[in-house]
N, C-alpha and C. Protein backbone atom coordinates (compact mmCIF):
# COMPACT_ATOMS: atom_id res chain seq x y z
N MET A 1 25.14 -23.55 9.34
CA MET A 1 24.23 -22.81 10.14
C MET A 1 25.05 -21.85 10.99
N THR A 2 24.53 -20.67 11.18
CA THR A 2 25.12 -19.68 12.07
C THR A 2 24.09 -19.34 13.13
N THR A 3 24.48 -19.43 14.40
CA THR A 3 23.53 -19.19 15.48
C THR A 3 24.23 -18.56 16.68
N ASN A 4 23.46 -17.91 17.53
CA ASN A 4 24.01 -17.30 18.73
C ASN A 4 23.62 -18.08 19.99
N ALA A 5 23.10 -19.30 19.83
CA ALA A 5 22.67 -20.11 20.96
C ALA A 5 22.87 -21.59 20.63
N PRO A 6 22.93 -22.45 21.64
CA PRO A 6 22.98 -23.89 21.39
C PRO A 6 21.73 -24.33 20.61
N TRP A 7 21.86 -25.36 19.81
CA TRP A 7 20.79 -25.77 18.91
C TRP A 7 20.74 -27.29 18.75
N ALA A 8 19.65 -27.76 18.18
CA ALA A 8 19.49 -29.17 17.85
C ALA A 8 18.68 -29.27 16.55
N ILE A 9 18.97 -30.31 15.77
CA ILE A 9 18.22 -30.58 14.55
C ILE A 9 17.65 -31.99 14.65
N ALA A 10 16.35 -32.12 14.44
CA ALA A 10 15.68 -33.42 14.40
C ALA A 10 15.23 -33.68 12.97
N VAL A 11 15.07 -34.96 12.62
CA VAL A 11 14.63 -35.33 11.28
C VAL A 11 13.52 -36.36 11.38
N SER A 12 12.55 -36.27 10.46
CA SER A 12 11.48 -37.26 10.41
C SER A 12 10.75 -37.19 9.08
N ASP A 13 10.01 -38.23 8.80
CA ASP A 13 9.02 -38.26 7.73
C ASP A 13 7.74 -38.77 8.39
N GLU A 14 7.21 -37.96 9.29
CA GLU A 14 6.05 -38.39 10.07
C GLU A 14 4.72 -38.10 9.39
N SER A 15 4.75 -37.49 8.23
CA SER A 15 3.51 -37.13 7.56
C SER A 15 3.11 -38.18 6.55
N THR A 16 1.87 -38.61 6.64
CA THR A 16 1.34 -39.49 5.60
C THR A 16 0.49 -38.69 4.62
N LEU A 17 0.57 -37.35 4.73
CA LEU A 17 -0.22 -36.47 3.88
C LEU A 17 -0.04 -36.84 2.41
N GLY A 18 -1.09 -37.28 1.79
CA GLY A 18 -1.07 -37.61 0.38
C GLY A 18 -0.52 -38.99 0.07
N LYS A 19 0.12 -39.66 1.04
CA LYS A 19 0.66 -40.99 0.77
C LYS A 19 -0.47 -42.01 0.67
N PRO A 20 -0.22 -43.13 0.01
CA PRO A 20 -1.28 -44.09 -0.26
C PRO A 20 -1.92 -44.72 0.98
N SER A 21 -1.19 -44.77 2.12
CA SER A 21 -1.75 -45.38 3.33
C SER A 21 -0.90 -44.99 4.54
N PRO A 22 -1.46 -45.12 5.74
CA PRO A 22 -0.67 -44.87 6.95
C PRO A 22 0.54 -45.79 7.05
N ALA A 23 0.50 -46.96 6.41
CA ALA A 23 1.63 -47.89 6.42
C ALA A 23 2.84 -47.32 5.70
N ALA A 24 2.66 -46.22 4.97
CA ALA A 24 3.76 -45.59 4.23
C ALA A 24 4.57 -44.64 5.11
N LEU A 25 4.22 -44.50 6.37
CA LEU A 25 4.93 -43.61 7.28
C LEU A 25 6.43 -43.92 7.29
N GLY A 26 7.24 -42.92 6.94
CA GLY A 26 8.69 -43.09 6.93
C GLY A 26 9.23 -43.84 5.72
N LYS A 27 8.36 -44.23 4.81
CA LYS A 27 8.78 -45.04 3.67
C LYS A 27 8.62 -44.26 2.36
N MET A 28 9.40 -44.65 1.38
CA MET A 28 9.26 -44.07 0.05
C MET A 28 8.04 -44.69 -0.62
N ALA A 29 7.22 -43.84 -1.25
CA ALA A 29 5.99 -44.30 -1.88
C ALA A 29 5.94 -43.82 -3.32
N GLU A 30 5.13 -44.48 -4.12
CA GLU A 30 5.00 -44.17 -5.55
C GLU A 30 4.45 -42.76 -5.75
N PHE A 31 5.11 -42.02 -6.62
CA PHE A 31 4.78 -40.62 -6.90
C PHE A 31 4.74 -40.43 -8.40
N ASP A 32 3.78 -39.68 -8.90
CA ASP A 32 3.66 -39.52 -10.36
C ASP A 32 4.21 -38.20 -10.89
N GLY A 33 4.90 -37.45 -10.03
CA GLY A 33 5.44 -36.16 -10.42
C GLY A 33 4.62 -35.00 -9.91
N ALA A 34 3.36 -35.28 -9.55
CA ALA A 34 2.48 -34.25 -9.00
C ALA A 34 1.90 -34.65 -7.65
N ALA A 35 1.67 -35.96 -7.45
CA ALA A 35 1.07 -36.44 -6.21
C ALA A 35 1.42 -37.90 -6.00
N TYR A 36 1.26 -38.35 -4.75
CA TYR A 36 1.41 -39.78 -4.49
C TYR A 36 0.29 -40.51 -5.21
N THR A 37 0.59 -41.69 -5.71
CA THR A 37 -0.36 -42.49 -6.47
C THR A 37 -1.31 -43.22 -5.52
N ALA A 38 -2.61 -42.99 -5.66
CA ALA A 38 -3.61 -43.67 -4.82
C ALA A 38 -3.47 -45.18 -5.01
N GLY A 39 -3.33 -45.91 -3.91
CA GLY A 39 -3.15 -47.36 -4.00
C GLY A 39 -1.81 -47.74 -4.55
N GLY A 40 -0.88 -46.77 -4.60
CA GLY A 40 0.43 -47.01 -5.19
C GLY A 40 1.34 -47.89 -4.35
N LYS A 41 2.49 -48.18 -4.91
CA LYS A 41 3.47 -49.04 -4.26
C LYS A 41 4.21 -48.27 -3.16
N VAL A 42 4.63 -49.01 -2.15
CA VAL A 42 5.40 -48.46 -1.04
C VAL A 42 6.56 -49.41 -0.79
N LEU A 43 7.78 -48.87 -0.64
CA LEU A 43 8.93 -49.72 -0.37
C LEU A 43 8.78 -50.40 0.99
N THR A 44 9.34 -51.57 1.13
CA THR A 44 9.22 -52.38 2.34
C THR A 44 9.89 -51.74 3.55
N ASP A 45 11.09 -51.21 3.37
CA ASP A 45 11.89 -50.70 4.48
C ASP A 45 11.79 -49.19 4.62
N VAL A 46 11.92 -48.73 5.85
CA VAL A 46 11.86 -47.31 6.18
C VAL A 46 13.13 -46.62 5.67
N PHE A 47 12.98 -45.40 5.16
CA PHE A 47 14.09 -44.56 4.74
C PHE A 47 14.89 -44.18 5.99
N GLN A 48 16.23 -44.16 5.89
CA GLN A 48 17.06 -43.90 7.05
C GLN A 48 18.02 -42.74 6.83
N VAL A 49 18.38 -42.09 7.94
CA VAL A 49 19.30 -40.96 7.94
C VAL A 49 20.34 -41.20 9.04
N SER A 50 21.56 -40.72 8.80
CA SER A 50 22.63 -40.85 9.79
C SER A 50 23.45 -39.57 9.86
N ARG A 51 24.02 -39.31 11.04
CA ARG A 51 24.91 -38.16 11.19
C ARG A 51 26.34 -38.52 10.78
N ASP A 52 26.69 -39.83 10.86
CA ASP A 52 28.08 -40.22 10.61
C ASP A 52 28.24 -41.61 10.00
N GLU A 53 27.17 -42.21 9.55
CA GLU A 53 27.12 -43.54 8.96
C GLU A 53 27.40 -44.67 9.94
N SER A 54 27.49 -44.37 11.25
CA SER A 54 27.68 -45.45 12.22
C SER A 54 26.36 -45.89 12.83
N THR A 55 25.42 -44.97 12.97
CA THR A 55 24.09 -45.27 13.51
C THR A 55 23.05 -44.72 12.55
N TRP A 56 22.15 -45.59 12.12
CA TRP A 56 21.11 -45.18 11.17
C TRP A 56 19.79 -45.01 11.90
N LEU A 57 19.10 -43.90 11.64
CA LEU A 57 17.83 -43.56 12.28
C LEU A 57 16.69 -43.74 11.30
N ASN A 58 15.65 -44.47 11.70
CA ASN A 58 14.45 -44.60 10.87
C ASN A 58 13.70 -43.28 10.87
N THR A 59 13.12 -42.92 9.74
CA THR A 59 12.43 -41.63 9.62
C THR A 59 10.93 -41.71 9.90
N ASP A 60 10.46 -42.84 10.42
CA ASP A 60 9.03 -42.97 10.74
C ASP A 60 8.68 -42.34 12.09
N ALA A 61 9.66 -41.75 12.75
CA ALA A 61 9.46 -41.00 13.99
C ALA A 61 10.54 -39.93 14.04
N SER A 62 10.33 -38.89 14.82
CA SER A 62 11.31 -37.82 14.93
C SER A 62 12.50 -38.28 15.78
N HIS A 63 13.70 -38.03 15.27
CA HIS A 63 14.94 -38.39 15.97
C HIS A 63 15.88 -37.21 15.94
N GLY A 64 16.59 -37.00 17.06
CA GLY A 64 17.63 -35.99 17.08
C GLY A 64 18.77 -36.40 16.16
N LEU A 65 19.18 -35.50 15.29
CA LEU A 65 20.23 -35.82 14.33
C LEU A 65 21.54 -35.13 14.68
N PHE A 66 21.48 -33.83 14.94
CA PHE A 66 22.68 -33.05 15.25
C PHE A 66 22.40 -32.12 16.43
N THR A 67 23.46 -31.77 17.16
CA THR A 67 23.40 -30.72 18.17
C THR A 67 24.65 -29.88 18.03
N GLY A 68 24.61 -28.66 18.54
CA GLY A 68 25.78 -27.80 18.44
C GLY A 68 25.69 -26.62 19.37
N LEU A 69 26.77 -25.88 19.43
CA LEU A 69 26.86 -24.69 20.25
C LEU A 69 26.75 -23.45 19.38
N ALA A 70 26.67 -22.30 20.03
CA ALA A 70 26.62 -21.03 19.29
C ALA A 70 27.83 -20.92 18.38
N GLY A 71 27.63 -20.31 17.22
CA GLY A 71 28.71 -20.13 16.26
C GLY A 71 28.30 -20.62 14.89
N VAL A 72 29.29 -21.00 14.11
CA VAL A 72 29.07 -21.48 12.75
C VAL A 72 29.34 -22.99 12.72
N SER A 73 28.45 -23.73 12.07
CA SER A 73 28.61 -25.17 12.00
C SER A 73 28.16 -25.70 10.65
N ASP A 74 28.92 -26.62 10.11
CA ASP A 74 28.56 -27.31 8.87
C ASP A 74 28.33 -28.77 9.21
N ARG A 75 27.15 -29.27 8.94
CA ARG A 75 26.81 -30.68 9.18
C ARG A 75 26.11 -31.21 7.94
N TYR A 76 26.42 -32.46 7.59
CA TYR A 76 25.84 -33.06 6.40
C TYR A 76 25.30 -34.44 6.74
N PRO A 77 24.00 -34.68 6.54
CA PRO A 77 23.45 -36.00 6.82
C PRO A 77 23.76 -36.99 5.71
N TYR A 78 23.72 -38.25 6.06
CA TYR A 78 23.85 -39.35 5.11
C TYR A 78 22.48 -40.01 4.99
N PHE A 79 22.17 -40.51 3.81
CA PHE A 79 20.87 -41.11 3.55
C PHE A 79 21.05 -42.55 3.08
N GLN A 80 20.09 -43.42 3.45
CA GLN A 80 20.18 -44.83 3.08
C GLN A 80 18.77 -45.38 2.85
N GLN A 81 18.62 -46.13 1.78
CA GLN A 81 17.35 -46.81 1.50
C GLN A 81 17.66 -48.25 1.10
N THR A 82 17.19 -49.20 1.89
CA THR A 82 17.35 -50.62 1.56
C THR A 82 16.25 -51.01 0.58
N ILE A 83 16.63 -51.70 -0.46
CA ILE A 83 15.67 -52.19 -1.46
C ILE A 83 15.62 -53.71 -1.33
N GLU A 84 14.45 -54.24 -1.09
CA GLU A 84 14.25 -55.68 -0.94
C GLU A 84 13.94 -56.29 -2.31
N ALA A 85 14.19 -57.58 -2.44
CA ALA A 85 13.90 -58.29 -3.69
C ALA A 85 12.41 -58.24 -4.03
N THR A 86 11.57 -58.09 -3.02
CA THR A 86 10.12 -58.04 -3.25
C THR A 86 9.62 -56.65 -3.64
N ASP A 87 10.48 -55.63 -3.52
CA ASP A 87 10.10 -54.28 -3.96
C ASP A 87 10.15 -54.25 -5.48
N THR A 88 9.11 -53.72 -6.09
CA THR A 88 9.04 -53.73 -7.56
C THR A 88 9.12 -52.32 -8.13
N ARG A 89 9.48 -52.27 -9.40
CA ARG A 89 9.56 -50.99 -10.10
C ARG A 89 8.18 -50.37 -10.22
N VAL A 90 8.19 -49.05 -10.28
CA VAL A 90 6.93 -48.35 -10.55
C VAL A 90 6.81 -48.15 -12.06
N GLY A 91 5.62 -47.78 -12.49
CA GLY A 91 5.36 -47.61 -13.92
C GLY A 91 6.09 -46.42 -14.52
N SER A 92 6.06 -46.35 -15.82
CA SER A 92 6.71 -45.28 -16.58
C SER A 92 6.22 -43.91 -16.12
N GLY A 93 7.15 -42.99 -15.88
CA GLY A 93 6.80 -41.65 -15.44
C GLY A 93 6.56 -41.53 -13.94
N HIS A 94 6.65 -42.63 -13.22
CA HIS A 94 6.47 -42.63 -11.77
C HIS A 94 7.81 -42.91 -11.11
N PHE A 95 7.93 -42.55 -9.85
CA PHE A 95 9.15 -42.84 -9.08
C PHE A 95 8.79 -42.94 -7.61
N TYR A 96 9.74 -43.42 -6.81
CA TYR A 96 9.54 -43.49 -5.36
C TYR A 96 10.00 -42.17 -4.76
N ARG A 97 9.24 -41.69 -3.75
CA ARG A 97 9.53 -40.39 -3.16
C ARG A 97 9.18 -40.40 -1.67
N THR A 98 9.92 -39.62 -0.90
CA THR A 98 9.57 -39.31 0.47
C THR A 98 10.02 -37.88 0.75
N VAL A 99 9.41 -37.24 1.72
CA VAL A 99 9.77 -35.88 2.08
C VAL A 99 10.20 -35.89 3.54
N LEU A 100 11.42 -35.49 3.79
CA LEU A 100 11.93 -35.41 5.16
C LEU A 100 11.74 -34.01 5.71
N THR A 101 11.46 -33.93 6.99
CA THR A 101 11.35 -32.64 7.68
C THR A 101 12.50 -32.52 8.65
N PHE A 102 13.28 -31.45 8.51
CA PHE A 102 14.37 -31.14 9.44
C PHE A 102 13.89 -30.00 10.32
N THR A 103 13.86 -30.22 11.61
CA THR A 103 13.36 -29.22 12.56
C THR A 103 14.52 -28.73 13.43
N VAL A 104 14.76 -27.43 13.39
CA VAL A 104 15.82 -26.82 14.19
C VAL A 104 15.19 -26.16 15.40
N SER A 105 15.78 -26.39 16.57
CA SER A 105 15.25 -25.79 17.79
C SER A 105 16.40 -25.41 18.72
N PRO A 106 16.17 -24.41 19.58
CA PRO A 106 17.18 -24.06 20.57
C PRO A 106 17.22 -25.12 21.67
N THR A 107 18.39 -25.29 22.28
CA THR A 107 18.50 -26.27 23.39
C THR A 107 18.89 -25.56 24.68
């Protein structure tokens, strides 16, 4: 990113738009390639993001991920998804999906 002012980046998956239920907030849900599957499967654990792999942030709420000063900056997030033994495979042609929103704002 190149900027002329201090900045911050937040990350979240606060939208349940199209997901099978509000319980899917921040979680990966069954997707058929075009839309979330109605009544589809949802992974047990929330998808997580980290700035440095030392602290993991749940994506079911907005969290500050990076901050910086004016100038040029390269930052790369890390992603983590825990899979529980009770999480099951989705059917043929389906997969688990979530959409993260990265919001940049001046500070």
